[in-house]
């Protein structure tokens, strides 16, 4: 099984509400099988709200090959089916925080191309957040605590 792979259409419902705020507009990404809307993902990346506590699986990270990952599923634009990737905690935080290193970004882009997808079809990877070389443009900032 590839570390980034297409999931069969219809296996995952895009209509499930966010598991944190219960926003039911749907099409949310999933972390460890739980749907999270973009606002809750950003709050998670900023360290606001409850932390994400999930047991790592014994699979290898799509970026670095490290054993111990969390599954991340997203619905690419105009795609018929979602994609899923196994990411170690470091690369999951980097993806959610829009602060992947250039080498991590380029590795994900390479694997997406093998599936016939571009990074522009994945919300957290599109060109608003990264240059073609993988430099992060708009990182999620840490909260300012007094």
C-alpha atoms as a PDB file:
ATOM      1  CA  UNK A   1       0.000   0.000   0.000  1.00  0.00           C
ATOM      2  CA  UNK A   2       1.415   3.409  -0.957  1.00  0.00           C
ATOM      3  CA  UNK A   3       2.056   6.031   1.653  1.00  0.00           C
ATOM      4  CA  UNK A   4      -0.100   8.441  -0.366  1.00  0.00           C
ATOM      5  CA  UNK A   5      -2.981   6.691  -2.035  1.00  0.00           C
ATOM      6  CA  UNK A   6      -6.396   7.223  -3.542  1.00  0.00           C
ATOM      7  CA  UNK A   7      -9.339   5.972  -1.520  1.00  0.00           C
ATOM      8  CA  UNK A   8     -12.221   4.410  -3.415  1.00  0.00           C
ATOM      9  CA  UNK A   9     -15.063   6.830  -4.084  1.00  0.00           C
ATOM     10  CA  UNK A  10     -17.951   6.369  -1.670  1.00  0.00           C
ATOM     11  CA  UNK A  11     -15.883   4.699   1.074  1.00  0.00           C
ATOM     12  CA  UNK A  12     -15.734   7.961   3.070  1.00  0.00           C
ATOM     13  CA  UNK A  13     -18.705  10.289   3.279  1.00  0.00           C
ATOM     14  CA  UNK A  14     -17.779  13.909   2.601  1.00  0.00           C
ATOM     15  CA  UNK A  15     -20.916  14.987   4.462  1.00  0.00           C
ATOM     16  CA  UNK A  16     -19.870  14.142   8.020  1.00  0.00           C
ATOM     17  CA  UNK A  17     -19.793  17.178  10.350  1.00  0.00           C
ATOM     18  CA  UNK A  18     -16.606  18.414  12.004  1.00  0.00           C
ATOM     19  CA  UNK A  19     -15.858  16.359  15.109  1.00  0.00           C
ATOM     20  CA  UNK A  20     -14.990  19.483  17.122  1.00  0.00           C
ATOM     21  CA  UNK A  21     -17.382  22.306  16.168  1.00  0.00           C
ATOM     22  CA  UNK A  22     -20.005  20.143  14.394  1.00  0.00           C
ATOM     23  CA  UNK A  23     -20.017  22.384  11.317  1.00  0.00           C
ATOM     24  CA  UNK A  24     -21.981  20.305   8.828  1.00  0.00           C
ATOM     25  CA  UNK A  25     -21.083  21.974   5.517  1.00  0.00           C
ATOM     26  CA  UNK A  26     -19.004  18.872   4.803  1.00  0.00           C
ATOM     27  CA  UNK A  27     -16.086  17.887   2.663  1.00  0.00           C
ATOM     28  CA  UNK A  28     -13.749  18.127   5.646  1.00  0.00           C
ATOM     29  CA  UNK A  29     -10.321  16.580   5.856  1.00  0.00           C
ATOM     30  CA  UNK A  30      -9.942  13.719   8.302  1.00  0.00           C
ATOM     31  CA  UNK A  31      -7.216  13.131  10.824  1.00  0.00           C
ATOM     32  CA  UNK A  32      -7.163   9.599  12.209  1.00  0.00           C
ATOM     33  CA  UNK A  33     -10.608   9.119  10.673  1.00  0.00           C
ATOM     34  CA  UNK A  34     -12.141  12.170  12.373  1.00  0.00           C
ATOM     35  CA  UNK A  35     -13.471  15.018  10.191  1.00  0.00           C
ATOM     36  CA  UNK A  36     -12.056  18.461  10.979  1.00  0.00           C
ATOM     37  CA  UNK A  37     -13.165  21.686   9.291  1.00  0.00           C
ATOM     38  CA  UNK A  38     -10.497  24.200   8.196  1.00  0.00           C
ATOM     39  CA  UNK A  39     -11.151  26.479  11.188  1.00  0.00           C
ATOM     40  CA  UNK A  40     -10.644  23.637  13.671  1.00  0.00           C
ATOM     41  CA  UNK A  41      -7.519  22.507  11.787  1.00  0.00           C
ATOM     42  CA  UNK A  42      -6.108  26.021  12.041  1.00  0.00           C
ATOM     43  CA  UNK A  43      -6.954  26.194  15.755  1.00  0.00           C
ATOM     44  CA  UNK A  44      -5.219  22.853  16.228  1.00  0.00           C
ATOM     45  CA  UNK A  45      -2.118  24.111  14.390  1.00  0.00           C
ATOM     46  CA  UNK A  46      -2.117  27.280  16.508  1.00  0.00           C
ATOM     47  CA  UNK A  47      -2.357  25.287  19.724  1.00  0.00           C
ATOM     48  CA  UNK A  48      -5.812  26.619  20.520  1.00  0.00           C
ATOM     49  CA  UNK A  49      -8.569  24.313  21.709  1.00  0.00           C
ATOM     50  CA  UNK A  50      -8.153  20.693  22.719  1.00  0.00           C
ATOM     51  CA  UNK A  51      -4.984  18.919  21.558  1.00  0.00           C
ATOM     52  CA  UNK A  52      -5.052  16.081  19.056  1.00  0.00           C
ATOM     53  CA  UNK A  53      -4.327  12.854  20.896  1.00  0.00           C
ATOM     54  CA  UNK A  54      -4.265   9.812  18.644  1.00  0.00           C
ATOM     55  CA  UNK A  55      -2.393   6.545  18.698  1.00  0.00           C
ATOM     56  CA  UNK A  56       0.209   6.276  15.947  1.00  0.00           C
ATOM     57  CA  UNK A  57      -0.050   3.385  13.515  1.00  0.00           C
ATOM     58  CA  UNK A  58       2.871   1.149  12.613  1.00  0.00           C
ATOM     59  CA  UNK A  59       3.160   2.468   9.067  1.00  0.00           C
ATOM     60  CA  UNK A  60       5.838   4.637   7.477  1.00  0.00           C
ATOM     61  CA  UNK A  61       5.583   8.384   6.938  1.00  0.00           C
ATOM     62  CA  UNK A  62       4.957   9.418   3.324  1.00  0.00           C
ATOM     63  CA  UNK A  63       7.672  12.053   3.670  1.00  0.00           C
ATOM     64  CA  UNK A  64      10.498  10.661   5.797  1.00  0.00           C
ATOM     65  CA  UNK A  65       9.762   6.942   6.113  1.00  0.00           C
ATOM     66  CA  UNK A  66       9.684   7.060   9.911  1.00  0.00           C
ATOM     67  CA  UNK A  67       7.509   4.371  11.517  1.00  0.00           C
ATOM     68  CA  UNK A  68       4.641   5.738  13.593  1.00  0.00           C
ATOM     69  CA  UNK A  69       2.065   7.736  11.670  1.00  0.00           C
ATOM     70  CA  UNK A  70      -1.366   9.306  11.725  1.00  0.00           C
ATOM     71  CA  UNK A  71      -3.620   8.984   8.672  1.00  0.00           C
ATOM     72  CA  UNK A  72      -4.608  12.210   6.975  1.00  0.00           C
ATOM     73  CA  UNK A  73      -7.383  12.136   4.386  1.00  0.00           C
ATOM     74  CA  UNK A  74      -8.390  15.012   2.126  1.00  0.00           C
ATOM     75  CA  UNK A  75     -10.766  15.602  -0.764  1.00  0.00           C
ATOM     76  CA  UNK A  76      -8.805  17.095  -3.693  1.00  0.00           C
ATOM     77  CA  UNK A  77     -10.550  19.678  -5.858  1.00  0.00           C
ATOM     78  CA  UNK A  78     -12.402  18.135  -8.801  1.00  0.00           C
ATOM     79  CA  UNK A  79     -11.270  14.613  -7.846  1.00  0.00           C
ATOM     80  CA  UNK A  80     -13.723  11.739  -7.785  1.00  0.00           C
ATOM     81  CA  UNK A  81     -12.219  10.195  -4.676  1.00  0.00           C
ATOM     82  CA  UNK A  82     -10.266  11.370  -1.622  1.00  0.00           C
ATOM     83  CA  UNK A  83      -6.601  10.686  -1.010  1.00  0.00           C
ATOM     84  CA  UNK A  84      -5.038   9.461   2.167  1.00  0.00           C
ATOM     85  CA  UNK A  85      -1.489   9.792   3.427  1.00  0.00           C
ATOM     86  CA  UNK A  86       0.391   8.433   6.400  1.00  0.00           C
ATOM     87  CA  UNK A  87       2.318  11.197   8.178  1.00  0.00           C
ATOM     88  CA  UNK A  88       4.553  11.160  11.230  1.00  0.00           C
ATOM     89  CA  UNK A  89       3.614  13.702  13.923  1.00  0.00           C
ATOM     90  CA  UNK A  90       6.269  16.177  12.701  1.00  0.00           C
ATOM     91  CA  UNK A  91       5.024  16.163   9.113  1.00  0.00           C
ATOM     92  CA  UNK A  92       1.359  16.214  10.125  1.00  0.00           C
ATOM     93  CA  UNK A  93       2.052  19.344  12.217  1.00  0.00           C
ATOM     94  CA  UNK A  94       3.957  20.816   9.284  1.00  0.00           C
ATOM     95  CA  UNK A  95       1.103  20.145   6.874  1.00  0.00           C
ATOM     96  CA  UNK A  96      -1.576  21.572   9.174  1.00  0.00           C
ATOM     97  CA  UNK A  97       0.572  24.580  10.049  1.00  0.00           C
ATOM     98  CA  UNK A  98       1.427  25.215   6.390  1.00  0.00           C
ATOM     99  CA  UNK A  99       5.091  25.034   7.295  1.00  0.00           C
ATOM    100  CA  UNK A 100       6.461  21.953   5.615  1.00  0.00           C
ATOM    101  CA  UNK A 101      10.132  22.139   4.709  1.00  0.00           C
ATOM    102  CA  UNK A 102      10.831  22.460   0.994  1.00  0.00           C
ATOM    103  CA  UNK A 103      12.061  18.856   0.823  1.00  0.00           C
ATOM    104  CA  UNK A 104       8.891  17.565   2.545  1.00  0.00           C
ATOM    105  CA  UNK A 105       6.670  19.608   0.223  1.00  0.00           C
ATOM    106  CA  UNK A 106       8.547  18.381  -2.858  1.00  0.00           C
ATOM    107  CA  UNK A 107       8.280  14.742  -1.735  1.00  0.00           C
ATOM    108  CA  UNK A 108       4.521  15.025  -1.259  1.00  0.00           C
ATOM    109  CA  UNK A 109       4.245  16.769  -4.636  1.00  0.00           C
ATOM    110  CA  UNK A 110       6.220  13.942  -6.287  1.00  0.00           C
ATOM    111  CA  UNK A 111       3.931  11.274  -4.839  1.00  0.00           C
ATOM    112  CA  UNK A 112       0.784  13.215  -5.767  1.00  0.00           C
ATOM    113  CA  UNK A 113       2.018  13.470  -9.360  1.00  0.00           C
ATOM    114  CA  UNK A 114       2.354   9.680  -9.435  1.00  0.00           C
ATOM    115  CA  UNK A 115      -1.378   9.569  -8.636  1.00  0.00           C
ATOM    116  CA  UNK A 116      -2.170  12.066 -11.380  1.00  0.00           C
ATOM    117  CA  UNK A 117      -2.801  14.921  -8.932  1.00  0.00           C
ATOM    118  CA  UNK A 118      -1.166  18.286  -8.399  1.00  0.00           C
ATOM    119  CA  UNK A 119      -0.478  20.094  -5.142  1.00  0.00           C
ATOM    120  CA  UNK A 120      -2.849  22.801  -6.375  1.00  0.00           C
ATOM    121  CA  UNK A 121      -5.728  20.368  -5.862  1.00  0.00           C
ATOM    122  CA  UNK A 122      -4.922  19.958  -2.158  1.00  0.00           C
ATOM    123  CA  UNK A 123      -6.033  22.925  -0.042  1.00  0.00           C
ATOM    124  CA  UNK A 124      -3.124  22.903   2.442  1.00  0.00           C
ATOM    125  CA  UNK A 125      -0.553  22.592  -0.366  1.00  0.00           C
ATOM    126  CA  UNK A 126      -1.756  25.026  -3.038  1.00  0.00           C
ATOM    127  CA  UNK A 127       0.206  28.021  -4.283  1.00  0.00           C
ATOM    128  CA  UNK A 128      -1.321  30.440  -1.786  1.00  0.00           C
ATOM    129  CA  UNK A 129       0.723  28.677   0.889  1.00  0.00           C
ATOM    130  CA  UNK A 130       3.852  27.434  -0.954  1.00  0.00           C
ATOM    131  CA  UNK A 131       6.121  28.468  -3.807  1.00  0.00           C
ATOM    132  CA  UNK A 132       6.920  26.003  -6.610  1.00  0.00           C
ATOM    133  CA  UNK A 133      10.173  25.254  -4.772  1.00  0.00           C
ATOM    134  CA  UNK A 134       8.286  24.391  -1.576  1.00  0.00           C
ATOM    135  CA  UNK A 135       9.022  27.500   0.458  1.00  0.00           C
ATOM    136  CA  UNK A 136       6.200  28.228   2.914  1.00  0.00           C
ATOM    137  CA  UNK A 137       4.488  31.580   2.302  1.00  0.00           C
ATOM    138  CA  UNK A 138       1.741  31.810   4.947  1.00  0.00           C
ATOM    139  CA  UNK A 139       2.500  29.748   8.005  1.00  0.00           C
ATOM    140  CA  UNK A 140      -0.061  29.352  10.749  1.00  0.00           C
ATOM    141  CA  UNK A 141       1.198  31.578  13.542  1.00  0.00           C
ATOM    142  CA  UNK A 142       1.468  30.609  17.154  1.00  0.00           C
ATOM    143  CA  UNK A 143      -1.052  32.346  19.446  1.00  0.00           C
ATOM    144  CA  UNK A 144       0.163  35.422  21.308  1.00  0.00           C
ATOM    145  CA  UNK A 145      -0.161  34.754  25.012  1.00  0.00           C
ATOM    146  CA  UNK A 146       0.142  37.666  27.467  1.00  0.00           C
END
